[in-house]
Amino acid sequence: MRNEALMSQREAARYLGLSERTLEAHRLRRTGPRFVRISKRCVRYRGEDLDSFVDAHTVATSTPRVPNGAQR
């Protein structure tokens, strides 16, 4: 058995820096982080699933482009 506490929607939204409504919209569209449905009205999130969601949406930046004619 895991010893990790589940987060409420409020806690998960705060963790991700989103509003609760935005997190709820992601859940309804199935575009957000994985969640645990305890009952019809009770949803919880695992920290590891939130971290995976962040990792999956992390964009790597490239080196800045040098304008034409500019010297390096």
N, C-alpha and C. Protein backbone atom coordinates (compact mmCIF):
# COMPACT_ATOMS: atom_id res chain seq x y z
N MET A 1 0.84 -1.19 0.00
CA MET A 1 0.00 0.00 0.00
C MET A 1 0.88 1.25 0.00
N ARG A 2 0.51 2.21 -0.78
CA ARG A 2 1.27 3.46 -0.85
C ARG A 2 0.95 4.35 0.34
N ASN A 3 1.91 5.14 0.71
CA ASN A 3 1.72 6.03 1.85
C ASN A 3 1.67 7.48 1.39
N GLU A 4 1.10 7.70 0.22
CA GLU A 4 1.03 9.05 -0.35
C GLU A 4 -0.39 9.60 -0.19
N ALA A 5 -0.50 10.79 0.37
CA ALA A 5 -1.82 11.40 0.53
C ALA A 5 -2.34 11.88 -0.81
N LEU A 6 -3.62 11.72 -1.02
CA LEU A 6 -4.26 12.22 -2.23
C LEU A 6 -4.63 13.68 -2.04
N MET A 7 -4.55 14.45 -3.12
CA MET A 7 -4.87 15.88 -3.06
C MET A 7 -6.28 16.13 -3.56
N SER A 8 -6.93 17.09 -2.94
CA SER A 8 -8.25 17.53 -3.40
C SER A 8 -8.08 18.35 -4.68
N GLN A 9 -9.19 18.67 -5.31
CA GLN A 9 -9.12 19.50 -6.51
C GLN A 9 -8.49 20.85 -6.19
N ARG A 10 -8.85 21.41 -5.06
CA ARG A 10 -8.30 22.72 -4.65
C ARG A 10 -6.78 22.64 -4.48
N GLU A 11 -6.32 21.60 -3.79
CA GLU A 11 -4.89 21.43 -3.57
C GLU A 11 -4.14 21.19 -4.88
N ALA A 12 -4.72 20.36 -5.75
CA ALA A 12 -4.08 20.07 -7.04
C ALA A 12 -4.02 21.32 -7.90
N ALA A 13 -5.10 22.09 -7.92
CA ALA A 13 -5.12 23.32 -8.71
C ALA A 13 -4.05 24.29 -8.21
N ARG A 14 -3.95 24.43 -6.91
CA ARG A 14 -2.93 25.31 -6.32
C ARG A 14 -1.53 24.80 -6.68
N TYR A 15 -1.31 23.50 -6.61
CA TYR A 15 -0.02 22.88 -6.93
C TYR A 15 0.38 23.19 -8.37
N LEU A 16 -0.60 23.15 -9.29
CA LEU A 16 -0.33 23.39 -10.71
C LEU A 16 -0.38 24.87 -11.09
N GLY A 17 -0.86 25.71 -10.19
CA GLY A 17 -0.97 27.13 -10.51
C GLY A 17 -2.16 27.42 -11.41
N LEU A 18 -3.21 26.61 -11.31
CA LEU A 18 -4.41 26.78 -12.11
C LEU A 18 -5.59 27.10 -11.20
N SER A 19 -6.66 27.59 -11.79
CA SER A 19 -7.88 27.74 -11.02
C SER A 19 -8.56 26.38 -10.92
N GLU A 20 -9.41 26.22 -9.94
CA GLU A 20 -10.14 24.97 -9.81
C GLU A 20 -11.02 24.72 -11.03
N ARG A 21 -11.61 25.76 -11.57
CA ARG A 21 -12.48 25.63 -12.75
C ARG A 21 -11.69 25.16 -13.96
N THR A 22 -10.47 25.66 -14.12
CA THR A 22 -9.64 25.23 -15.25
C THR A 22 -9.26 23.76 -15.10
N LEU A 23 -8.90 23.36 -13.90
CA LEU A 23 -8.56 21.96 -13.65
C LEU A 23 -9.78 21.07 -13.90
N GLU A 24 -10.93 21.53 -13.47
CA GLU A 24 -12.16 20.78 -13.69
C GLU A 24 -12.47 20.65 -15.19
N ALA A 25 -12.27 21.73 -15.93
CA ALA A 25 -12.50 21.69 -17.38
C ALA A 25 -11.55 20.71 -18.05
N HIS A 26 -10.30 20.70 -17.64
CA HIS A 26 -9.34 19.73 -18.18
C HIS A 26 -9.80 18.31 -17.89
N ARG A 27 -10.29 18.09 -16.68
CA ARG A 27 -10.74 16.75 -16.30
C ARG A 27 -11.94 16.32 -17.16
N LEU A 28 -12.88 17.21 -17.36
CA LEU A 28 -14.06 16.88 -18.15
C LEU A 28 -13.73 16.62 -19.62
N ARG A 29 -12.71 17.32 -20.13
CA ARG A 29 -12.28 17.11 -21.52
C ARG A 29 -11.25 15.99 -21.64
N ARG A 30 -10.83 15.45 -20.49
CA ARG A 30 -9.81 14.39 -20.45
C ARG A 30 -8.48 14.87 -21.02
N THR A 31 -8.15 16.13 -20.77
CA THR A 31 -6.87 16.69 -21.23
C THR A 31 -5.95 17.01 -20.06
N GLY A 32 -6.41 16.81 -18.86
CA GLY A 32 -5.62 17.16 -17.69
C GLY A 32 -4.88 15.98 -17.11
N PRO A 33 -4.39 16.15 -15.89
CA PRO A 33 -3.65 15.07 -15.24
C PRO A 33 -4.59 13.92 -14.86
N ARG A 34 -4.01 12.74 -14.71
CA ARG A 34 -4.79 11.60 -14.25
C ARG A 34 -5.38 11.91 -12.90
N PHE A 35 -6.53 11.31 -12.60
CA PHE A 35 -7.18 11.55 -11.33
C PHE A 35 -7.79 10.26 -10.81
N VAL A 36 -8.16 10.27 -9.55
CA VAL A 36 -8.79 9.13 -8.90
C VAL A 36 -10.23 9.53 -8.59
N ARG A 37 -11.18 8.77 -9.09
CA ARG A 37 -12.58 9.06 -8.80
C ARG A 37 -13.00 8.17 -7.63
N ILE A 38 -13.14 8.77 -6.46
CA ILE A 38 -13.54 8.06 -5.26
C ILE A 38 -15.04 7.75 -5.32
N SER A 39 -15.81 8.73 -5.75
CA SER A 39 -17.25 8.57 -5.95
C SER A 39 -17.66 9.55 -7.05
N LYS A 40 -18.94 9.62 -7.34
CA LYS A 40 -19.41 10.49 -8.42
C LYS A 40 -18.98 11.95 -8.21
N ARG A 41 -18.96 12.39 -6.97
CA ARG A 41 -18.64 13.79 -6.69
C ARG A 41 -17.31 13.99 -5.96
N CYS A 42 -16.56 12.94 -5.79
CA CYS A 42 -15.30 13.04 -5.05
C CYS A 42 -14.14 12.62 -5.95
N VAL A 43 -13.29 13.59 -6.30
CA VAL A 43 -12.14 13.36 -7.17
C VAL A 43 -10.89 13.75 -6.40
N ARG A 44 -9.84 12.96 -6.55
CA ARG A 44 -8.56 13.24 -5.91
C ARG A 44 -7.43 13.07 -6.92
N TYR A 45 -6.29 13.65 -6.61
CA TYR A 45 -5.13 13.61 -7.48
C TYR A 45 -3.93 13.10 -6.70
N ARG A 46 -3.09 12.33 -7.38
CA ARG A 46 -1.81 11.89 -6.81
C ARG A 46 -0.73 12.89 -7.22
N GLY A 47 0.18 13.16 -6.32
CA GLY A 47 1.28 14.06 -6.62
C GLY A 47 2.09 13.60 -7.82
N GLU A 48 2.34 12.30 -7.91
CA GLU A 48 3.14 11.78 -9.02
C GLU A 48 2.43 11.99 -10.36
N ASP A 49 1.10 11.94 -10.38
CA ASP A 49 0.36 12.19 -11.62
C ASP A 49 0.42 13.66 -12.02
N LEU A 50 0.41 14.54 -11.02
CA LEU A 50 0.53 15.97 -11.31
C LEU A 50 1.92 16.27 -11.86
N ASP A 51 2.94 15.65 -11.27
CA ASP A 51 4.30 15.86 -11.76
C ASP A 51 4.46 15.32 -13.19
N SER A 52 3.86 14.19 -13.48
CA SER A 52 3.91 13.62 -14.84
C SER A 52 3.23 14.54 -15.84
N PHE A 53 2.11 15.13 -15.42
CA PHE A 53 1.38 16.07 -16.28
C PHE A 53 2.26 17.28 -16.60
N VAL A 54 2.93 17.81 -15.59
CA VAL A 54 3.83 18.95 -15.80
C VAL A 54 4.97 18.55 -16.73
N ASP A 55 5.56 17.40 -16.50
CA ASP A 55 6.67 16.93 -17.34
C ASP A 55 6.22 16.77 -18.80
N ALA A 56 5.02 16.25 -19.01
CA ALA A 56 4.51 16.04 -20.36
C ALA A 56 4.22 17.35 -21.09
N HIS A 57 4.02 18.43 -20.33
CA HIS A 57 3.72 19.72 -20.94
C HIS A 57 4.88 20.71 -20.87
N THR A 58 6.04 20.21 -20.53
CA THR A 58 7.23 21.05 -20.47
C THR A 58 7.80 21.20 -21.88
N VAL A 59 8.05 22.43 -22.26
CA VAL A 59 8.57 22.73 -23.60
C VAL A 59 10.03 23.13 -23.47
N ALA A 60 10.87 22.45 -24.21
CA ALA A 60 12.29 22.78 -24.21
C ALA A 60 12.52 24.00 -25.08
N THR A 61 13.32 24.90 -24.60
CA THR A 61 13.65 26.08 -25.39
C THR A 61 14.93 25.81 -26.16
N SER A 62 15.05 26.47 -27.29
CA SER A 62 16.26 26.31 -28.09
C SER A 62 17.11 27.56 -27.92
N THR A 63 18.28 27.53 -28.50
CA THR A 63 19.15 28.70 -28.44
C THR A 63 18.52 29.80 -29.29
N PRO A 64 18.68 31.04 -28.90
CA PRO A 64 18.08 32.13 -29.67
C PRO A 64 18.67 32.21 -31.09
N ARG A 65 17.84 32.57 -32.01
CA ARG A 65 18.30 32.71 -33.38
C ARG A 65 19.02 34.05 -33.55
N VAL A 66 20.03 34.02 -34.38
CA VAL A 66 20.79 35.24 -34.69
C VAL A 66 20.19 35.83 -35.96
N PRO A 67 19.79 37.11 -35.92
CA PRO A 67 19.22 37.73 -37.12
C PRO A 67 20.20 37.72 -38.29
N ASN A 68 19.69 37.69 -39.51
CA ASN A 68 20.54 37.74 -40.70
C ASN A 68 21.44 38.96 -40.68
N GLY A 69 22.68 38.75 -40.98
CA GLY A 69 23.62 39.87 -41.04
C GLY A 69 24.29 40.18 -39.71
N ALA A 70 23.80 39.62 -38.64
CA ALA A 70 24.40 39.87 -37.33
C ALA A 70 25.61 38.96 -37.15
N GLN A 71 26.57 39.46 -36.44
CA GLN A 71 27.77 38.67 -36.18
C GLN A 71 27.62 37.94 -34.86
N ARG A 72 28.23 36.77 -34.81
CA ARG A 72 28.19 35.99 -33.57
C ARG A 72 29.37 36.30 -32.71
